Every structure is written in structure tokens, then in C-alpha cells.
Amino acid sequence: MILDMFPRQFYTIQVDRQLFHIDIRYQNLKVIGSGSYGVVCSADDVIAGRRVAIKKIGNLFQDIVDAKRVLREIKMLRHLGWHENVISLYDVITMPYGREDFTDIYIVTQLFECDLERIISSNQPLSENHIQFFLFQLLKALKFLHSAKVLHRDLKPSNILVNSNCCLAICDFGLARGLAGSHSMMTEYVVTRWYRAPELLCENSTYDWEVDIWSLGCIFAELLGRQPLLQGKNPYDQLKLVIKLLGPQRGASLNFIQKAQAREAVEKMDYGEPIPFEERFPHASANAIDLLKRMLVFDATKRISVDDALCHPFLAALTREYSRFPVTDPFNYDYEKRDSSGGSAHSIPSGSRTLPCQQLPLPLLKNPTR
């Protein structure tokens, strides 16, 4: 455990019909979210003097797939969480405490005021400077993740946490995996449908960093248009919407599709000339439209890279101002090859550090939680 070099004392408190058995350093717990994964509370860390988020996941090993995702996220945050645009991991507590056969886990992280989904759907004005700064930070995070040979694979506005000073961090690494350099089969369900790249919609078994760029392009478009770009009802419908957005795809642009049946299906899709991006986003600058077009390219091999996106005229001024683009060693996935049929406290990693967010003189986001 991260703080286990110090003696721990615990207390039990009921929070919204959930019992939290938690270290006494965490006080004033308030529920801020819940779902199938468990419950998230905000709390005061009275020792560190900061607000934190605490996620409780009960009966962790009841579903081995979910357990693997939780443990993967912890290990990844241990490796990646020191970057300013990746959520920081502060503490991990297993219960019953100190036992190999623990069942519950508490994950303590940075607390943010809201997520990008809430900002997009709010009446908060967003200038092009805001959008540039958000996109710049997300690309910095992707550059860092990809240096670690990590694909996030589930980028979407609700997985991007934001504070009123416009600093953001990517969270939810439960679906993240290694880059496909080993050409291993990666058929696990990935990426929320609306942000899923064409190569995933066409059921390619191997893919690379381009899937994250496509998702980021969808988020970029959502920031410009203040609504999701492509809202497919199922994977096939999502693919149809992609073709309607980009126009018919023929010839060499389909070479990246691995399944002949998928290529044939895409070739038959023809919905006429697409609406130009300039008409879809009439208030966006020419540079914004150009970068968006380069991100949302159907052929994965032609999609813009992270480095080229950072050097694009839409973001070049920010890139010149920012002197630090940290990278890290490749993440080690060997632990996933071991049997995960039971819980082991020794499999929980520890430690993290953070870098301060380099802010720009932007207007504060007002009422970001609304």
C-alpha cells in the first residue's frame, strides 16, 4: 500500500447507504458519484491538507474481468500518474486490511471539480482559447501514454476531469492496453461506441495509437459543436454515420481493414457528398477545421500523429511556450500473464508523484459542475 510505512487507524462511516471502512486521515466524506464499479466520495486528507476522491469497490473478485481492470488501472496509475495530465494516485487501501484474501479496495486519487462532459453540456461559454488549451493538454497526455506503449482505448469526455482553472487529467485506465507492436490479438471490447475508430468498428484484431487520435478528434468536434459528433445506436449504425461524415470510402483507403467482409460492407456505403466541416462548425477557425480533418481520417494509416498534431498551426503557439514533454519507460504488462483468479495484496502497486499544471491566462470556468 502507498502509505503503509505509517501506522494506520481506521473508522467506519455510512455514506449514502454505503459503509466505508477508511483511514482516519480521510474525513468529511461526501458522495460525488456511483455506478456499477462502486461509489466515489470526496474527502479531506487532513494529513496532506488536500481534497481527494475515494473510490470504493466492494467484492472486487466477484467478477474476474472487472477485477483485472481495477488492478490494471492501479498499476498504470502507479507508472503514469505523475504526469500533470494523468490523474494522480495517492493511496490504495485493501479490506480486510493487511490480508492476502482482501475483498474490498479503496482507491484515493486527485479530486477534480467536474468532467469535460458536464462542461460541454453546460451553458459555460468556451472560447477557441479554451478549446486549444484542452486539446493541447490531451495531446500532451497521449504523447506521454504512447511513450509508455500504452493505448487508453476509452477516451471520452466523461473520462477527462477538469478544474475551473482549465487544467485537466485523463482518468479510467481500466481498458488501457499495450501498443500493437507485438501484433498480438486485441479483441477485447474497447472504446465507447460514439468515440470508436473505424478500424475498431470494422473489427480489426490489431490496431495502434491511431484509435486514441480518432477518439480525441471526436472530443475536439464535440467541444466545437457542444454535442456528440456521431451518436450511433449500434456499431453498424456508428460506421454508417462515419461514412456520412467523411463521404464514401474506396480503393486504397480501405487497405487497413483486415476483414474482407467489412471492406465489402464499407465499399457499398454511399450516402452522397458529406456536409463540409466548415458548415458543421461555422464558428471554428480555419486552423481548427484543418486539424480536425487530419484527426478524423477514415484510413488509420493516414491519421495525424500526436507529434504532428502538437506542431499544427492550431496548437503551435502553445507547443512553443511549453518546455516540458516528459516521457517514461514502457509499461510492463507481464503481470497480466499470471493467474488472476484470486486477490493478492502484493499485486497492488504504490507510490506516485505529480507535476504542477502549467496554466495559461484563461477565464475560469464558471459553475463547472452544472
Protein backbone atom coordinates (compact mmCIF):
# COMPACT_ATOMS: atom_id res chain seq x y z
CA MET A 1 0.00 0.00 0.00
CA ILE A 2 1.15 3.52 -0.73
CA LEU A 3 1.09 4.79 2.83
CA ASP A 4 1.64 1.54 4.68
CA MET A 5 5.01 2.62 6.02
CA PHE A 6 2.98 4.65 8.55
CA PRO A 7 0.70 3.13 11.21
CA ARG A 8 -2.91 3.19 10.09
CA GLN A 9 -6.04 3.74 12.12
CA PHE A 10 -9.47 3.15 10.67
CA TYR A 11 -13.05 4.16 11.30
CA THR A 12 -16.36 3.12 9.78
CA ILE A 13 -18.84 5.61 8.37
CA GLN A 14 -22.04 5.20 6.40
CA VAL A 15 -22.14 7.35 3.26
CA ASP A 16 -25.32 7.20 1.19
CA ARG A 17 -26.18 3.66 2.36
CA GLN A 18 -22.59 2.53 1.79
CA LEU A 19 -20.26 1.59 4.63
CA PHE A 20 -16.76 2.99 4.24
CA HIS A 21 -14.07 1.44 6.45
CA ILE A 22 -11.39 4.01 5.87
CA ASP A 23 -8.21 5.54 7.29
CA ILE A 24 -8.90 8.28 9.84
CA ARG A 25 -6.83 10.72 7.78
CA TYR A 26 -9.78 10.92 5.37
CA GLN A 27 -12.62 13.00 6.82
CA ASN A 28 -15.84 14.69 5.65
CA LEU A 29 -16.77 12.08 3.07
CA LYS A 30 -19.48 13.09 0.58
CA VAL A 31 -20.79 11.01 -2.32
CA ILE A 32 -19.99 12.57 -5.70
CA GLY A 33 -20.67 9.60 -7.99
CA SER A 34 -21.72 5.98 -8.19
CA GLY A 35 -22.12 3.22 -10.73
CA SER A 36 -21.64 -0.48 -11.33
CA TYR A 37 -18.00 -0.10 -10.25
CA GLY A 38 -18.88 1.21 -6.78
CA VAL A 39 -19.16 4.57 -5.03
CA VAL A 40 -16.93 7.67 -5.23
CA CYS A 41 -16.69 10.17 -2.37
CA SER A 42 -14.87 13.42 -1.94
CA ALA A 43 -12.94 13.74 1.31
CA ASP A 44 -10.45 15.88 3.21
CA ASP A 45 -6.99 14.38 3.64
CA VAL A 46 -6.22 16.01 6.97
CA ILE A 47 -2.57 14.96 6.91
CA ALA A 48 -1.68 16.10 3.39
CA GLY A 49 -4.04 19.08 3.60
CA ARG A 50 -5.83 18.45 0.33
CA ARG A 51 -9.16 17.32 -1.06
CA VAL A 52 -9.20 13.84 -2.54
CA ALA A 53 -11.54 11.42 -4.30
CA ILE A 54 -12.05 7.95 -2.81
CA LYS A 55 -13.49 5.17 -4.93
CA LYS A 56 -14.75 2.12 -3.04
CA ILE A 57 -15.05 -1.13 -4.98
CA GLY A 58 -16.68 -3.92 -3.00
CA ASN A 59 -16.42 -7.65 -3.69
CA LEU A 60 -13.58 -6.95 -6.09
CA PHE A 61 -13.01 -10.53 -7.19
CA GLN A 62 -16.65 -11.40 -7.72
CA ASP A 63 -16.11 -10.63 -11.42
CA ILE A 64 -12.60 -11.51 -12.56
CA VAL A 65 -12.80 -9.28 -15.66
CA ASP A 66 -13.69 -6.25 -13.55
CA ALA A 67 -11.00 -7.19 -11.03
CA LYS A 68 -8.38 -7.25 -13.77
CA ARG A 69 -9.48 -3.82 -14.96
CA VAL A 70 -9.24 -2.36 -11.46
CA LEU A 71 -5.80 -3.84 -10.81
CA ARG A 72 -4.63 -2.77 -14.29
CA GLU A 73 -5.74 0.79 -13.60
CA ILE A 74 -3.92 0.88 -10.26
CA LYS A 75 -0.71 -0.41 -11.79
CA MET A 76 -0.96 2.01 -14.69
CA LEU A 77 -1.57 5.00 -12.44
CA ARG A 78 1.43 3.95 -10.37
CA HIS A 79 3.50 4.12 -13.56
CA LEU A 80 1.82 7.07 -15.29
CA GLY A 81 0.10 9.15 -12.61
CA TRP A 82 2.97 11.56 -12.04
CA HIS A 83 2.21 13.32 -15.34
CA GLU A 84 0.26 16.53 -14.89
CA ASN A 85 -2.48 15.45 -17.32
CA VAL A 86 -2.99 11.97 -15.90
CA ILE A 87 -4.96 11.61 -12.68
CA SER A 88 -2.65 11.12 -9.67
CA LEU A 89 -2.90 8.05 -7.46
CA TYR A 90 -2.41 8.96 -3.79
CA ASP A 91 -3.32 5.86 -1.81
CA VAL A 92 -4.70 2.32 -2.08
CA ILE A 93 -6.32 0.53 0.87
CA THR A 94 -7.49 -3.08 0.82
CA MET A 95 -10.03 -4.54 3.23
CA PRO A 96 -9.88 -6.62 5.33
CA TYR A 97 -6.71 -4.68 5.93
CA GLY A 98 -3.38 -6.47 5.72
CA ARG A 99 -4.83 -9.76 4.46
CA GLU A 100 -3.99 -11.59 1.25
CA ASP A 101 -7.65 -12.52 0.73
CA PHE A 102 -8.99 -8.96 0.71
CA THR A 103 -12.37 -8.35 -0.89
CA ASP A 104 -12.81 -4.55 -0.95
CA ILE A 105 -10.49 -1.88 -2.24
CA TYR A 106 -10.38 1.90 -1.77
CA ILE A 107 -8.55 3.95 -4.40
CA VAL A 108 -7.61 7.52 -3.40
CA THR A 109 -6.84 9.98 -6.19
CA GLN A 110 -6.81 13.63 -7.10
CA LEU A 111 -10.17 15.36 -6.79
CA PHE A 112 -11.39 17.40 -9.74
CA GLU A 113 -14.39 19.72 -9.88
CA CYS A 114 -16.12 18.09 -12.84
CA ASP A 115 -15.58 16.28 -16.12
CA LEU A 116 -15.49 17.54 -19.68
CA GLU A 117 -18.87 16.03 -20.49
CA ARG A 118 -20.54 18.33 -17.96
CA ILE A 119 -18.74 21.36 -19.31
CA ILE A 120 -19.72 20.59 -22.91
CA SER A 121 -23.38 20.11 -21.99
CA SER A 122 -23.50 23.22 -19.79
CA ASN A 123 -24.07 26.84 -20.79
CA GLN A 124 -20.45 27.64 -19.92
CA PRO A 125 -19.01 29.76 -22.76
CA LEU A 126 -15.98 28.13 -24.38
CA SER A 127 -13.67 30.29 -26.44
CA GLU A 128 -11.28 28.91 -29.02
CA ASN A 129 -8.52 29.54 -26.49
CA HIS A 130 -10.26 27.21 -24.04
CA ILE A 131 -10.59 24.52 -26.70
CA GLN A 132 -6.95 24.93 -27.74
CA PHE A 133 -5.78 24.54 -24.15
CA PHE A 134 -7.95 21.46 -23.55
CA LEU A 135 -6.79 19.81 -26.77
CA PHE A 136 -3.17 20.70 -26.09
CA GLN A 137 -3.26 19.07 -22.66
CA LEU A 138 -4.93 15.95 -24.04
CA LEU A 139 -2.28 15.61 -26.74
CA LYS A 140 0.45 16.05 -24.12
CA ALA A 141 -1.14 13.23 -22.14
CA LEU A 142 -1.35 10.99 -25.22
CA LYS A 143 2.29 11.69 -26.09
CA PHE A 144 3.21 10.55 -22.59
CA LEU A 145 0.96 7.47 -22.64
CA HIS A 146 2.21 6.39 -26.04
CA SER A 147 5.83 6.80 -24.87
CA ALA A 148 4.93 4.18 -22.25
CA LYS A 149 3.49 1.98 -25.02
CA VAL A 150 0.01 2.47 -23.58
CA LEU A 151 -3.21 2.94 -25.54
CA HIS A 152 -6.00 4.41 -23.44
CA ARG A 153 -8.73 2.91 -25.68
CA ASP A 154 -11.63 4.62 -23.92
CA LEU A 155 -11.15 8.35 -24.36
CA LYS A 156 -14.40 10.27 -23.99
CA PRO A 157 -15.46 13.50 -22.25
CA SER A 158 -16.61 11.73 -19.08
CA ASN A 159 -13.10 10.26 -18.68
CA ILE A 160 -11.49 13.70 -18.77
CA LEU A 161 -11.54 15.51 -15.43
CA VAL A 162 -11.34 19.31 -15.31
CA ASN A 163 -10.85 22.05 -12.74
CA SER A 164 -12.06 25.63 -13.00
CA ASN A 165 -8.52 26.75 -13.86
CA CYS A 166 -8.90 24.71 -17.09
CA CYS A 167 -6.30 22.13 -16.09
CA LEU A 168 -7.39 18.59 -16.92
CA ALA A 169 -6.38 14.98 -16.42
CA ILE A 170 -7.29 11.72 -18.13
CA CYS A 171 -8.74 9.01 -15.91
CA ASP A 172 -10.20 5.49 -16.15
CA PHE A 173 -7.39 3.27 -17.41
CA GLY A 174 -9.27 0.03 -16.92
CA LEU A 175 -9.39 -0.66 -20.67
CA ALA A 176 -5.90 0.62 -21.46
CA ARG A 177 -3.54 -1.83 -23.15
CA GLY A 178 -0.16 -2.02 -24.84
CA LEU A 179 0.61 -0.78 -28.33
CA ALA A 180 0.18 -3.39 -31.02
CA GLY A 181 3.84 -3.62 -31.96
CA SER A 182 3.79 -7.28 -30.94
CA HIS A 183 0.83 -7.82 -33.30
CA SER A 184 -0.99 -9.63 -30.53
CA MET A 185 -4.73 -10.10 -30.82
CA MET A 186 -6.58 -7.32 -29.03
CA THR A 187 -10.21 -8.27 -29.45
CA GLU A 188 -11.50 -7.18 -26.04
CA TYR A 189 -14.39 -4.71 -26.18
CA VAL A 190 -12.92 -1.23 -26.26
CA VAL A 191 -13.91 2.39 -26.69
CA THR A 192 -17.38 3.75 -26.05
CA ARG A 193 -19.22 3.47 -29.38
CA TRP A 194 -19.53 7.17 -30.21
CA TYR A 195 -15.75 7.60 -29.98
CA ARG A 196 -14.76 4.32 -31.64
CA ALA A 197 -12.35 4.47 -34.59
CA PRO A 198 -13.24 2.93 -37.98
CA GLU A 199 -10.66 0.15 -37.53
CA LEU A 200 -12.48 -0.95 -34.38
CA LEU A 201 -15.91 -0.65 -35.99
CA CYS A 202 -14.55 -2.86 -38.79
CA GLU A 203 -13.42 -5.37 -36.14
CA ASN A 204 -9.69 -5.23 -36.81
CA SER A 205 -7.95 -7.53 -34.33
CA THR A 206 -4.82 -5.36 -34.17
CA TYR A 207 -4.61 -1.59 -34.07
CA ASP A 208 -2.34 1.13 -32.79
CA TRP A 209 -2.16 4.65 -31.36
CA GLU A 210 -4.48 5.95 -34.10
CA VAL A 211 -7.55 4.75 -32.16
CA ASP A 212 -6.80 7.32 -29.45
CA ILE A 213 -6.33 10.06 -32.06
CA TRP A 214 -9.75 9.27 -33.57
CA SER A 215 -11.39 9.44 -30.14
CA LEU A 216 -9.64 12.73 -29.46
CA GLY A 217 -10.89 14.06 -32.80
CA CYS A 218 -14.46 13.20 -31.79
CA ILE A 219 -13.93 15.04 -28.49
CA PHE A 220 -12.46 18.03 -30.37
CA ALA A 221 -15.57 18.13 -32.58
CA GLU A 222 -17.78 17.88 -29.51
CA LEU A 223 -16.03 20.89 -27.97
CA LEU A 224 -16.61 22.86 -31.17
CA GLY A 225 -20.23 21.81 -31.65
CA ARG A 226 -21.27 21.35 -27.98
CA GLN A 227 -22.81 17.95 -28.72
CA PRO A 228 -21.50 14.45 -29.56
CA LEU A 229 -20.44 14.26 -33.20
CA LEU A 230 -21.56 10.71 -34.03
CA GLN A 231 -24.31 9.10 -31.94
CA GLY A 232 -24.71 5.64 -33.45
CA LYS A 233 -27.30 3.25 -32.00
CA ASN A 234 -25.10 0.20 -32.60
CA PRO A 235 -21.68 -0.49 -34.18
CA TYR A 236 -23.07 -0.81 -37.72
CA ASP A 237 -25.07 2.40 -37.35
CA GLN A 238 -21.96 4.11 -35.98
CA LEU A 239 -19.99 3.04 -39.06
CA LYS A 240 -22.75 4.42 -41.30
CA LEU A 241 -22.52 7.77 -39.51
CA VAL A 242 -18.76 7.81 -40.02
CA ILE A 243 -19.23 7.31 -43.77
CA LYS A 244 -21.90 10.03 -43.86
CA LEU A 245 -19.47 12.34 -42.06
CA LEU A 246 -16.45 11.66 -44.28
CA GLY A 247 -18.01 10.54 -47.55
CA PRO A 248 -17.74 7.24 -49.48
CA GLN A 249 -14.52 5.27 -48.99
CA ARG A 250 -12.96 3.36 -51.87
CA GLY A 251 -9.76 1.68 -53.00
CA ALA A 252 -6.56 2.21 -51.02
CA SER A 253 -8.36 3.94 -48.16
CA LEU A 254 -9.78 0.52 -47.22
CA ASN A 255 -6.49 -1.40 -47.24
CA PHE A 256 -6.14 -1.14 -43.46
CA ILE A 257 -9.38 -3.10 -42.91
CA GLN A 258 -8.41 -6.67 -42.09
CA LYS A 259 -11.69 -8.47 -42.75
CA ALA A 260 -12.83 -8.84 -46.37
CA GLN A 261 -16.48 -8.81 -45.30
CA ALA A 262 -16.00 -5.48 -43.53
CA ARG A 263 -14.25 -3.98 -46.57
CA GLU A 264 -17.09 -5.05 -48.83
CA ALA A 265 -19.67 -3.57 -46.45
CA VAL A 266 -17.88 -0.21 -46.34
CA GLU A 267 -17.49 -0.12 -50.14
CA LYS A 268 -21.26 -0.43 -50.51
CA MET A 269 -21.94 2.52 -48.19
CA ASP A 270 -22.64 5.64 -50.23
CA TYR A 271 -24.67 8.50 -48.78
CA GLY A 272 -23.59 11.20 -51.19
CA GLU A 273 -21.31 14.12 -50.55
CA PRO A 274 -20.72 14.87 -46.86
CA ILE A 275 -21.53 18.19 -45.22
CA PRO A 276 -18.25 20.17 -45.15
CA PHE A 277 -16.73 20.58 -41.71
CA GLU A 278 -16.74 24.33 -42.32
CA GLU A 279 -20.56 24.21 -42.40
CA ARG A 280 -20.84 21.87 -39.43
CA PHE A 281 -18.68 24.16 -37.30
CA PRO A 282 -19.20 27.65 -38.74
CA HIS A 283 -17.61 29.43 -35.78
CA ALA A 284 -14.39 27.39 -35.84
CA SER A 285 -11.22 28.87 -37.29
CA ALA A 286 -9.62 27.52 -40.45
CA ASN A 287 -6.76 26.04 -38.40
CA ALA A 288 -9.19 24.27 -36.06
CA ILE A 289 -11.07 22.76 -39.02
CA ASP A 290 -7.84 21.65 -40.67
CA LEU A 291 -6.59 19.85 -37.55
CA LEU A 292 -9.98 18.22 -37.01
CA LYS A 293 -9.95 16.89 -40.58
CA ARG A 294 -6.50 15.42 -40.04
CA MET A 295 -7.62 13.64 -36.87
CA LEU A 296 -10.84 12.24 -38.31
CA VAL A 297 -9.33 10.38 -41.25
CA PHE A 298 -11.01 7.06 -42.08
CA ASP A 299 -7.76 5.32 -43.04
CA ALA A 300 -5.91 4.77 -39.77
CA THR A 301 -2.53 4.87 -41.53
CA LYS A 302 -3.22 8.43 -42.75
CA ARG A 303 -4.38 9.88 -39.43
CA ILE A 304 -2.25 12.65 -37.94
CA SER A 305 0.24 11.63 -35.24
CA VAL A 306 0.40 13.15 -31.76
CA ASP A 307 3.67 14.93 -32.52
CA ASP A 308 2.38 16.37 -35.79
CA ALA A 309 -0.84 17.50 -34.08
CA LEU A 310 1.17 19.34 -31.41
CA CYS A 311 3.09 21.13 -34.18
CA HIS A 312 -0.06 22.00 -36.15
CA PRO A 313 -0.72 25.77 -36.52
CA PHE A 314 -3.80 25.45 -34.29
CA LEU A 315 -1.57 24.47 -31.35
CA ALA A 316 1.92 25.53 -32.38
CA ALA A 317 1.99 28.63 -30.16
CA LEU A 318 1.18 26.56 -27.07
CA THR A 319 3.75 23.94 -28.03
CA ARG A 320 6.43 26.62 -28.36
CA GLU A 321 5.60 28.03 -24.91
CA TYR A 322 5.63 24.65 -23.19
CA SER A 323 9.14 23.39 -22.49
CA ARG A 324 8.38 20.00 -20.88
CA PHE A 325 7.09 16.99 -22.75
CA PRO A 326 8.02 14.21 -20.32
CA VAL A 327 8.21 10.62 -21.48
CA THR A 328 8.54 7.43 -19.48
CA ASP A 329 9.65 3.82 -19.73
CA PRO A 330 7.33 1.28 -21.37
CA PHE A 331 4.70 -0.12 -19.05
CA ASN A 332 5.28 -3.77 -18.10
CA TYR A 333 2.28 -5.97 -18.90
CA ASP A 334 3.85 -9.22 -17.70
CA TYR A 335 1.68 -9.29 -14.57
CA GLU A 336 -1.42 -9.89 -16.72
CA LYS A 337 0.03 -13.18 -17.91
CA ARG A 338 -0.10 -14.54 -14.37
CA ASP A 339 -3.17 -16.22 -12.92
CA SER A 340 -5.57 -13.60 -11.57
CA SER A 341 -8.07 -16.00 -10.04
CA GLY A 342 -7.57 -14.56 -6.57
CA GLY A 343 -6.57 -11.34 -4.88
CA SER A 344 -3.11 -10.66 -3.60
CA ALA A 345 -2.20 -7.57 -1.66
CA HIS A 346 1.31 -7.90 -3.06
CA SER A 347 -0.08 -7.19 -6.54
CA ILE A 348 -1.14 -3.67 -5.55
CA PRO A 349 1.49 -1.07 -6.53
CA SER A 350 2.39 2.00 -4.56
CA GLY A 351 3.76 5.49 -4.88
CA SER A 352 3.14 8.45 -7.14
CA ARG A 353 4.31 11.98 -7.74
CA THR A 354 2.84 14.88 -9.64
CA LEU A 355 3.95 17.84 -11.70
CA PRO A 356 2.09 21.15 -11.43
CA CYS A 357 -0.19 22.11 -14.30
CA GLN A 358 1.31 24.95 -16.33
CA GLN A 359 -1.62 27.33 -16.64
CA LEU A 360 -2.47 29.91 -19.27
CA PRO A 361 -4.25 33.21 -18.60
CA LEU A 362 -7.71 31.86 -19.48
CA PRO A 363 -11.03 32.83 -17.89
CA LEU A 364 -12.02 30.48 -15.09
CA LEU A 365 -14.76 28.02 -15.90
CA LYS A 366 -17.91 29.12 -14.10
CA ASN A 367 -20.04 26.59 -12.24
CA PRO A 368 -18.28 23.64 -13.91
CA THR A 369 -20.35 21.08 -12.01
CA ARG A 370 -23.60 22.24 -13.60
